[in-house]
PDB file of N, CA and C in Angstrom:
ATOM      1  N   MET A   1     -12.835  26.286 -74.993  1.00  0.00           N
ATOM      2  CA  MET A   1     -13.983  26.074 -76.233  1.00  0.00           C
ATOM      3  C   MET A   1     -15.834  26.079 -75.749  1.00  0.00           C
ATOM      4  N   ASN A   2     -16.455  26.722 -76.533  1.00  0.00           N
ATOM      5  CA  ASN A   2     -17.511  26.438 -76.655  1.00  0.00           C
ATOM      6  C   ASN A   2     -18.295  25.327 -76.828  1.00  0.00           C
ATOM      7  N   LEU A   3     -19.636  25.016 -76.765  1.00  0.00           N
ATOM      8  CA  LEU A   3     -20.357  24.039 -76.697  1.00  0.00           C
ATOM      9  C   LEU A   3     -20.466  23.818 -78.105  1.00  0.00           C
ATOM     10  N   GLU A   4     -20.404  25.381 -79.275  1.00  0.00           N
ATOM     11  CA  GLU A   4     -20.550  24.637 -80.273  1.00  0.00           C
ATOM     12  C   GLU A   4     -19.225  23.637 -81.516  1.00  0.00           C
ATOM     13  N   GLN A   5     -18.442  24.025 -80.712  1.00  0.00           N
ATOM     14  CA  GLN A   5     -16.959  23.439 -80.808  1.00  0.00           C
ATOM     15  C   GLN A   5     -17.326  22.175 -80.279  1.00  0.00           C
ATOM     16  N   TYR A   6     -17.391  22.515 -78.981  1.00  0.00           N
ATOM     17  CA  TYR A   6     -17.381  20.788 -78.341  1.00  0.00           C
ATOM     18  C   TYR A   6     -18.565  20.411 -79.188  1.00  0.00           C
ATOM     19  N   ILE A   7     -19.679  20.022 -79.501  1.00  0.00           N
ATOM     20  CA  ILE A   7     -20.266  19.739 -80.231  1.00  0.00           C
ATOM     21  C   ILE A   7     -20.047  18.708 -81.549  1.00  0.00           C
ATOM     22  N   GLU A   8     -19.204  20.207 -82.517  1.00  0.00           N
ATOM     23  CA  GLU A   8     -18.579  19.128 -83.505  1.00  0.00           C
ATOM     24  C   GLU A   8     -17.634  18.324 -82.991  1.00  0.00           C
ATOM     25  N   THR A   9     -16.517  19.240 -82.549  1.00  0.00           N
ATOM     26  CA  THR A   9     -15.721  18.173 -82.836  1.00  0.00           C
ATOM     27  C   THR A   9     -15.629  16.210 -80.814  1.00  0.00           C
ATOM     28  N   ALA A  10     -16.303  16.886 -80.649  1.00  0.00           N
ATOM     29  CA  ALA A  10     -16.531  15.573 -79.459  1.00  0.00           C
ATOM     30  C   ALA A  10     -17.689  14.641 -79.803  1.00  0.00           C
ATOM     31  N   ILE A  11     -18.368  15.236 -80.347  1.00  0.00           N
ATOM     32  CA  ILE A  11     -19.909  14.433 -80.572  1.00  0.00           C
ATOM     33  C   ILE A  11     -20.771  13.808 -81.638  1.00  0.00           C
ATOM     34  N   ARG A  12     -20.085  14.832 -82.328  1.00  0.00           N
ATOM     35  CA  ARG A  12     -20.727  15.090 -84.009  1.00  0.00           C
ATOM     36  C   ARG A  12     -19.873  13.014 -84.396  1.00  0.00           C
ATOM     37  N   PRO A  13     -18.778  13.103 -83.873  1.00  0.00           N
ATOM     38  CA  PRO A  13     -18.053  11.954 -84.642  1.00  0.00           C
ATOM     39  C   PRO A  13     -18.487  11.034 -83.949  1.00  0.00           C
ATOM     40  N   ARG A  14     -19.353  10.416 -83.012  1.00  0.00           N
ATOM     41  CA  ARG A  14     -19.590   9.772 -82.225  1.00  0.00           C
ATOM     42  C   ARG A  14     -20.946   9.137 -82.938  1.00  0.00           C
ATOM     43  N   LEU A  15     -21.156  10.067 -82.929  1.00  0.00           N
ATOM     44  CA  LEU A  15     -22.662  10.458 -83.944  1.00  0.00           C
ATOM     45  C   LEU A  15     -22.675   9.816 -84.905  1.00  0.00           C
ATOM     46  N   GLN A  16     -21.789  10.224 -85.950  1.00  0.00           N
ATOM     47  CA  GLN A  16     -21.741  10.320 -87.061  1.00  0.00           C
ATOM     48  C   GLN A  16     -20.924   7.810 -86.901  1.00  0.00           C
ATOM     49  N   GLY A  17     -20.455   7.469 -86.154  1.00  0.00           N
ATOM     50  CA  GLY A  17     -20.559   6.200 -85.963  1.00  0.00           C
ATOM     51  C   GLY A  17     -20.965   4.642 -86.417  1.00  0.00           C
ATOM     52  N   ASP A  18     -22.253   5.522 -86.109  1.00  0.00           N
ATOM     53  CA  ASP A  18     -23.584   4.889 -85.609  1.00  0.00           C
ATOM     54  C   ASP A  18     -24.326   5.587 -87.200  1.00  0.00           C
ATOM     55  N   GLY A  19     -23.655   6.201 -87.797  1.00  0.00           N
ATOM     56  CA  GLY A  19     -24.411   6.615 -89.302  1.00  0.00           C
ATOM     57  C   GLY A  19     -25.340   8.206 -88.987  1.00  0.00           C
ATOM     58  N   GLY A  20     -25.414   8.672 -87.838  1.00  0.00           N
ATOM     59  CA  GLY A  20     -26.273   9.857 -87.090  1.00  0.00           C
ATOM     60  C   GLY A  20     -25.225  11.104 -87.592  1.00  0.00           C
ATOM     61  N   GLU A  21     -26.747  12.112 -87.220  1.00  0.00           N
ATOM     62  CA  GLU A  21     -25.662  13.131 -87.637  1.00  0.00           C
ATOM     63  C   GLU A  21     -26.375  14.845 -86.696  1.00  0.00           C
ATOM     64  N   VAL A  22     -25.163  15.602 -86.029  1.00  0.00           N
ATOM     65  CA  VAL A  22     -26.400  16.149 -85.332  1.00  0.00           C
ATOM     66  C   VAL A  22     -25.530  17.764 -85.869  1.00  0.00           C
ATOM     67  N   ARG A  23     -26.226  18.505 -85.369  1.00  0.00           N
ATOM     68  CA  ARG A  23     -25.918  19.939 -86.085  1.00  0.00           C
ATOM     69  C   ARG A  23     -26.549  21.377 -84.914  1.00  0.00           C
ATOM     70  N   PHE A  24     -25.697  22.190 -83.867  1.00  0.00           N
ATOM     71  CA  PHE A  24     -25.430  22.996 -83.682  1.00  0.00           C
ATOM     72  C   PHE A  24     -25.968  23.979 -84.412  1.00  0.00           C
ATOM     73  N   ALA A  25     -27.564  24.074 -83.017  1.00  0.00           N
ATOM     74  CA  ALA A  25     -28.815  25.352 -83.955  1.00  0.00           C
ATOM     75  C   ALA A  25     -29.047  26.712 -83.292  1.00  0.00           C
ATOM     76  N   GLU A  26     -28.724  26.531 -81.965  1.00  0.00           N
ATOM     77  CA  GLU A  26     -28.891  27.597 -81.100  1.00  0.00           C
ATOM     78  C   GLU A  26     -28.183  27.715 -79.740  1.00  0.00           C
ATOM     79  N   GLN A  27     -27.768  28.209 -78.797  1.00  0.00           N
ATOM     80  CA  GLN A  27     -28.139  28.399 -77.899  1.00  0.00           C
ATOM     81  C   GLN A  27     -29.190  29.755 -76.994  1.00  0.00           C
ATOM     82  N   LYS A  28     -29.328  29.550 -76.381  1.00  0.00           N
ATOM     83  CA  LYS A  28     -30.046  30.554 -74.849  1.00  0.00           C
ATOM     84  C   LYS A  28     -29.790  30.843 -73.827  1.00  0.00           C
ATOM     85  N   GLU A  29     -28.835  30.811 -73.186  1.00  0.00           N
ATOM     86  CA  GLU A  29     -28.730  31.118 -71.523  1.00  0.00           C
ATOM     87  C   GLU A  29     -28.395  29.032 -71.636  1.00  0.00           C
ATOM     88  N   ASP A  30     -29.270  28.531 -70.455  1.00  0.00           N
ATOM     89  CA  ASP A  30     -28.478  27.375 -70.495  1.00  0.00           C
ATOM     90  C   ASP A  30     -29.250  26.214 -71.411  1.00  0.00           C
ATOM     91  N   SER A  31     -30.417  26.582 -72.479  1.00  0.00           N
ATOM     92  CA  SER A  31     -31.470  25.817 -73.547  1.00  0.00           C
ATOM     93  C   SER A  31     -29.642  26.466 -74.719  1.00  0.00           C
ATOM     94  N   LEU A  32     -30.084  24.644 -74.839  1.00  0.00           N
ATOM     95  CA  LEU A  32     -29.269  24.163 -76.663  1.00  0.00           C
ATOM     96  C   LEU A  32     -29.583  23.865 -77.132  1.00  0.00           C
ATOM     97  N   THR A  33     -30.035  23.989 -78.766  1.00  0.00           N
ATOM     98  CA  THR A  33     -30.848  23.492 -80.024  1.00  0.00           C
ATOM     99  C   THR A  33     -30.318  23.077 -79.902  1.00  0.00           C
ATOM    100  N   LEU A  34     -30.542  21.376 -80.882  1.00  0.00           N
ATOM    101  CA  LEU A  34     -29.764  20.954 -81.871  1.00  0.00           C
ATOM    102  C   LEU A  34     -30.278  19.830 -82.843  1.00  0.00           C
ATOM    103  N   VAL A  35     -29.995  20.129 -83.998  1.00  0.00           N
ATOM    104  CA  VAL A  35     -30.589  19.420 -84.878  1.00  0.00           C
ATOM    105  C   VAL A  35     -29.970  18.290 -85.673  1.00  0.00           C
ATOM    106  N   PHE A  36     -30.944  16.724 -84.908  1.00  0.00           N
ATOM    107  CA  PHE A  36     -30.061  16.053 -85.233  1.00  0.00           C
ATOM    108  C   PHE A  36     -30.672  14.953 -86.036  1.00  0.00           C
ATOM    109  N   GLN A  37     -30.450  13.984 -87.771  1.00  0.00           N
ATOM    110  CA  GLN A  37     -30.519  14.317 -89.020  1.00  0.00           C
ATOM    111  C   GLN A  37     -29.643  12.270 -88.861  1.00  0.00           C
ATOM    112  N   GLY A  38     -29.868  12.593 -90.190  1.00  0.00           N
ATOM    113  CA  GLY A  38     -29.172  10.811 -90.736  1.00  0.00           C
ATOM    114  C   GLY A  38     -29.903   9.728 -89.683  1.00  0.00           C
ATOM    115  N   GLU A  39     -29.877   8.672 -88.766  1.00  0.00           N
ATOM    116  CA  GLU A  39     -30.070   7.652 -88.372  1.00  0.00           C
ATOM    117  C   GLU A  39     -30.855   8.154 -86.965  1.00  0.00           C
ATOM    118  N   CYS A  40     -29.798   8.960 -86.554  1.00  0.00           N
ATOM    119  CA  CYS A  40     -30.876   9.975 -85.131  1.00  0.00           C
ATOM    120  C   CYS A  40     -32.362  10.170 -85.323  1.00  0.00           C
ATOM    121  N   SER A  41     -32.369  10.419 -86.773  1.00  0.00           N
ATOM    122  CA  SER A  41     -33.958  11.592 -86.815  1.00  0.00           C
ATOM    123  C   SER A  41     -34.441  10.044 -86.657  1.00  0.00           C
ATOM    124  N   LYS A  42     -34.737   9.039 -86.505  1.00  0.00           N
ATOM    125  CA  LYS A  42     -35.755   8.697 -87.005  1.00  0.00           C
ATOM    126  C   LYS A  42     -35.057   7.025 -85.648  1.00  0.00           C
ATOM    127  N   CYS A  43     -34.699   7.997 -84.683  1.00  0.00           N
ATOM    128  CA  CYS A  43     -34.429   7.071 -83.616  1.00  0.00           C
ATOM    129  C   CYS A  43     -34.789   6.623 -82.649  1.00  0.00           C
ATOM    130  N   LEU A  44     -35.412   5.476 -82.143  1.00  0.00           N
ATOM    131  CA  LEU A  44     -35.606   5.377 -81.109  1.00  0.00           C
ATOM    132  C   LEU A  44     -36.001   5.889 -80.025  1.00  0.00           C
ATOM    133  N   ILE A  45     -34.665   6.337 -79.019  1.00  0.00           N
ATOM    134  CA  ILE A  45     -34.067   6.263 -78.196  1.00  0.00           C
ATOM    135  C   ILE A  45     -33.473   7.410 -77.967  1.00  0.00           C
ATOM    136  N   LEU A  46     -32.940   8.021 -78.700  1.00  0.00           N
ATOM    137  CA  LEU A  46     -32.643   9.224 -78.806  1.00  0.00           C
ATOM    138  C   LEU A  46     -32.352  10.588 -77.854  1.00  0.00           C
ATOM    139  N   GLU A  47     -34.278  10.739 -77.310  1.00  0.00           N
ATOM    140  CA  GLU A  47     -34.024  11.320 -75.890  1.00  0.00           C
ATOM    141  C   GLU A  47     -32.826  10.921 -74.590  1.00  0.00           C
ATOM    142  N   ARG A  48     -32.816   9.157 -74.752  1.00  0.00           N
ATOM    143  CA  ARG A  48     -31.430   8.389 -73.811  1.00  0.00           C
ATOM    144  C   ARG A  48     -30.029   9.396 -75.177  1.00  0.00           C
ATOM    145  N   CYS A  49     -30.386   9.083 -75.608  1.00  0.00           N
ATOM    146  CA  CYS A  49     -29.201  10.007 -75.959  1.00  0.00           C
ATOM    147  C   CYS A  49     -28.467  11.438 -76.413  1.00  0.00           C
ATOM    148  N   VAL A  50     -29.609  12.178 -76.610  1.00  0.00           N
ATOM    149  CA  VAL A  50     -29.785  14.098 -75.253  1.00  0.00           C
ATOM    150  C   VAL A  50     -29.406  13.984 -74.011  1.00  0.00           C
ATOM    151  N   ARG A  51     -30.150  12.894 -73.192  1.00  0.00           N
ATOM    152  CA  ARG A  51     -29.045  12.714 -71.352  1.00  0.00           C
ATOM    153  C   ARG A  51     -27.871  12.200 -71.156  1.00  0.00           C
ATOM    154  N   TRP A  52     -27.366  11.776 -72.789  1.00  0.00           N
ATOM    155  CA  TRP A  52     -26.031  11.741 -73.217  1.00  0.00           C
ATOM    156  C   TRP A  52     -25.760  12.153 -72.933  1.00  0.00           C
ATOM    157  N   ILE A  53     -25.727  13.277 -73.622  1.00  0.00           N
ATOM    158  CA  ILE A  53     -24.785  14.514 -74.384  1.00  0.00           C
ATOM    159  C   ILE A  53     -24.798  14.887 -73.173  1.00  0.00           C
ATOM    160  N   GLU A  54     -26.035  16.034 -72.036  1.00  0.00           N
ATOM    161  CA  GLU A  54     -26.371  16.513 -71.672  1.00  0.00           C
ATOM    162  C   GLU A  54     -25.117  16.039 -71.163  1.00  0.00           C
ATOM    163  N   GLU A  55     -25.071  14.633 -70.270  1.00  0.00           N
ATOM    164  CA  GLU A  55     -24.140  14.819 -68.725  1.00  0.00           C
ATOM    165  C   GLU A  55     -22.272  14.685 -70.050  1.00  0.00           C
ATOM    166  N   GLN A  56     -21.918  14.616 -71.064  1.00  0.00           N
ATOM    167  CA  GLN A  56     -20.264  14.408 -71.026  1.00  0.00           C
ATOM    168  C   GLN A  56     -19.877  16.116 -71.205  1.00  0.00           C
ATOM    169  N   ILE A  57     -21.062  17.355 -71.464  1.00  0.00           N
ATOM    170  CA  ILE A  57     -20.871  18.464 -71.405  1.00  0.00           C
ATOM    171  C   ILE A  57     -20.428  19.029 -69.511  1.00  0.00           C
ATOM    172  N   ALA A  58     -21.736  18.123 -69.064  1.00  0.00           N
ATOM    173  CA  ALA A  58     -21.338  18.675 -67.998  1.00  0.00           C
ATOM    174  C   ALA A  58     -20.741  18.629 -67.183  1.00  0.00           C
ATOM    175  N   HIS A  59     -19.838  16.550 -67.040  1.00  0.00           N
ATOM    176  CA  HIS A  59     -18.032  16.094 -67.372  1.00  0.00           C
ATOM    177  C   HIS A  59     -17.009  17.153 -68.165  1.00  0.00           C
ATOM    178  N   ASP A  60     -17.189  17.316 -69.494  1.00  0.00           N
ATOM    179  CA  ASP A  60     -15.771  17.917 -70.503  1.00  0.00           C
ATOM    180  C   ASP A  60     -15.808  19.786 -69.766  1.00  0.00           C
ATOM    181  N   LEU A  61     -16.473  20.025 -69.485  1.00  0.00           N
ATOM    182  CA  LEU A  61     -16.640  21.775 -69.941  1.00  0.00           C
ATOM    183  C   LEU A  61     -17.689  21.920 -68.747  1.00  0.00           C
ATOM    184  N   GLY A  62     -18.335  21.439 -66.930  1.00  0.00           N
ATOM    185  CA  GLY A  62     -18.851  21.804 -66.777  1.00  0.00           C
ATOM    186  C   GLY A  62     -19.590  22.249 -66.602  1.00  0.00           C
ATOM    187  N   VAL A  63     -20.327  22.327 -67.472  1.00  0.00           N
ATOM    188  CA  VAL A  63     -21.816  23.214 -68.487  1.00  0.00           C
ATOM    189  C   VAL A  63     -22.570  22.085 -67.671  1.00  0.00           C
ATOM    190  N   ARG A  64     -24.004  22.934 -67.229  1.00  0.00           N
ATOM    191  CA  ARG A  64     -25.270  22.079 -67.148  1.00  0.00           C
ATOM    192  C   ARG A  64     -25.918  22.722 -68.283  1.00  0.00           C
ATOM    193  N   VAL A  65     -26.973  21.891 -69.322  1.00  0.00           N
ATOM    194  CA  VAL A  65     -27.200  22.673 -70.267  1.00  0.00           C
ATOM    195  C   VAL A  65     -28.554  21.359 -70.098  1.00  0.00           C
ATOM    196  N   HIS A  66     -29.612  22.004 -70.899  1.00  0.00           N
ATOM    197  CA  HIS A  66     -30.772  20.997 -71.658  1.00  0.00           C
ATOM    198  C   HIS A  66     -31.688  21.253 -73.110  1.00  0.00           C
ATOM    199  N   ILE A  67     -30.808  20.166 -73.291  1.00  0.00           N
ATOM    200  CA  ILE A  67     -31.201  20.107 -74.420  1.00  0.00           C
ATOM    201  C   ILE A  67     -32.964  19.598 -75.745  1.00  0.00           C
ATOM    202  N   ARG A  68     -32.568  20.864 -75.798  1.00  0.00           N
ATOM    203  CA  ARG A  68     -33.852  20.343 -76.930  1.00  0.00           C
ATOM    204  C   ARG A  68     -33.499  20.076 -78.654  1.00  0.00           C
ATOM    205  N   ALA A  69     -34.150  18.349 -78.528  1.00  0.00           N
ATOM    206  CA  ALA A  69     -33.666  17.927 -79.848  1.00  0.00           C
ATOM    207  C   ALA A  69     -34.688  18.950 -80.543  1.00  0.00           C
ATOM    208  N   VAL A  70     -34.295  18.437 -81.811  1.00  0.00           N
ATOM    209  CA  VAL A  70     -35.194  18.437 -82.982  1.00  0.00           C
ATOM    210  C   VAL A  70     -34.739  17.417 -84.386  1.00  0.00           C
ATOM    211  N   ARG A  71     -35.443  16.508 -84.693  1.00  0.00           N
ATOM    212  CA  ARG A  71     -35.154  15.751 -85.385  1.00  0.00           C
ATOM    213  C   ARG A  71     -35.788  16.181 -86.549  1.00  0.00           C
ATOM    214  N   LYS A  72     -34.917  16.139 -87.813  1.00  0.00           N
ATOM    215  CA  LYS A  72     -35.066  16.297 -89.375  1.00  0.00           C
ATOM    216  C   LYS A  72     -34.763  15.673 -89.774  1.00  0.00           C
ATOM    217  N   LYS A  73     -35.709  15.217 -90.849  1.00  0.00           N
ATOM    218  CA  LYS A  73     -35.804  14.099 -91.489  1.00  0.00           C
ATOM    219  C   LYS A  73     -35.016  14.054 -92.755  1.00  0.00           C
ATOM    220  N   PRO A  74     -34.411  13.396 -93.761  1.00  0.00           N
ATOM    221  CA  PRO A  74     -34.433  13.529 -94.963  1.00  0.00           C
ATOM    222  C   PRO A  74     -36.198  13.835 -96.201  1.00  0.00           C
ATOM    223  N   TYR A  75     -35.558  14.946 -96.837  1.00  0.00           N
ATOM    224  CA  TYR A  75     -36.389  15.721 -97.803  1.00  0.00           C
ATOM    225  C   TYR A  75     -37.251  14.137 -97.639  1.00  0.00           C
ATOM    226  N   PHE A  76     -36.460  13.412 -98.705  1.00  0.00           N
ATOM    227  CA  PHE A  76     -36.620  12.005 -99.682  1.00  0.00           C
ATOM    228  C   PHE A  76     -38.151  10.538 -98.410  1.00  0.00           C
ATOM    229  N   TRP A  77     -38.550  11.396 -97.427  1.00  0.00           N
ATOM    230  CA  TRP A  77     -39.449  10.224 -96.446  1.00  0.00           C
ATOM    231  C   TRP A  77     -40.895  11.206 -96.955  1.00  0.00           C
ATOM    232  N   ASP A  78     -40.879  12.530 -97.361  1.00  0.00           N
ATOM    233  CA  ASP A  78     -42.277  12.954 -98.086  1.00  0.00           C
ATOM    234  C   ASP A  78     -42.412  12.427 -98.666  1.00  0.00           C
ATOM    235  N   ALA A  79     -41.922  11.638-100.244  1.00  0.00           N
ATOM    236  CA  ALA A  79     -42.155  11.424-101.128  1.00  0.00           C
ATOM    237  C   ALA A  79     -42.916  10.292-101.400  1.00  0.00           C
TER     238      ALA A  79
END
């Protein structure tokens, strides 16, 4: 299983359970960019969640990655 599939099948459903959303954006070597939306986009403890995702990837896939989190706020927040 590659990282994009792992995010889609193992991580995304867990975040959706709390009203969040995560989308795989890009991977460059050991750096992974994820876009966080929904409740995740305004979460005060997003960095803790990102560290948890890194730990889950290391545990389940045996791969060490650094995640760059991008918050994408809903379009209507600008109104």
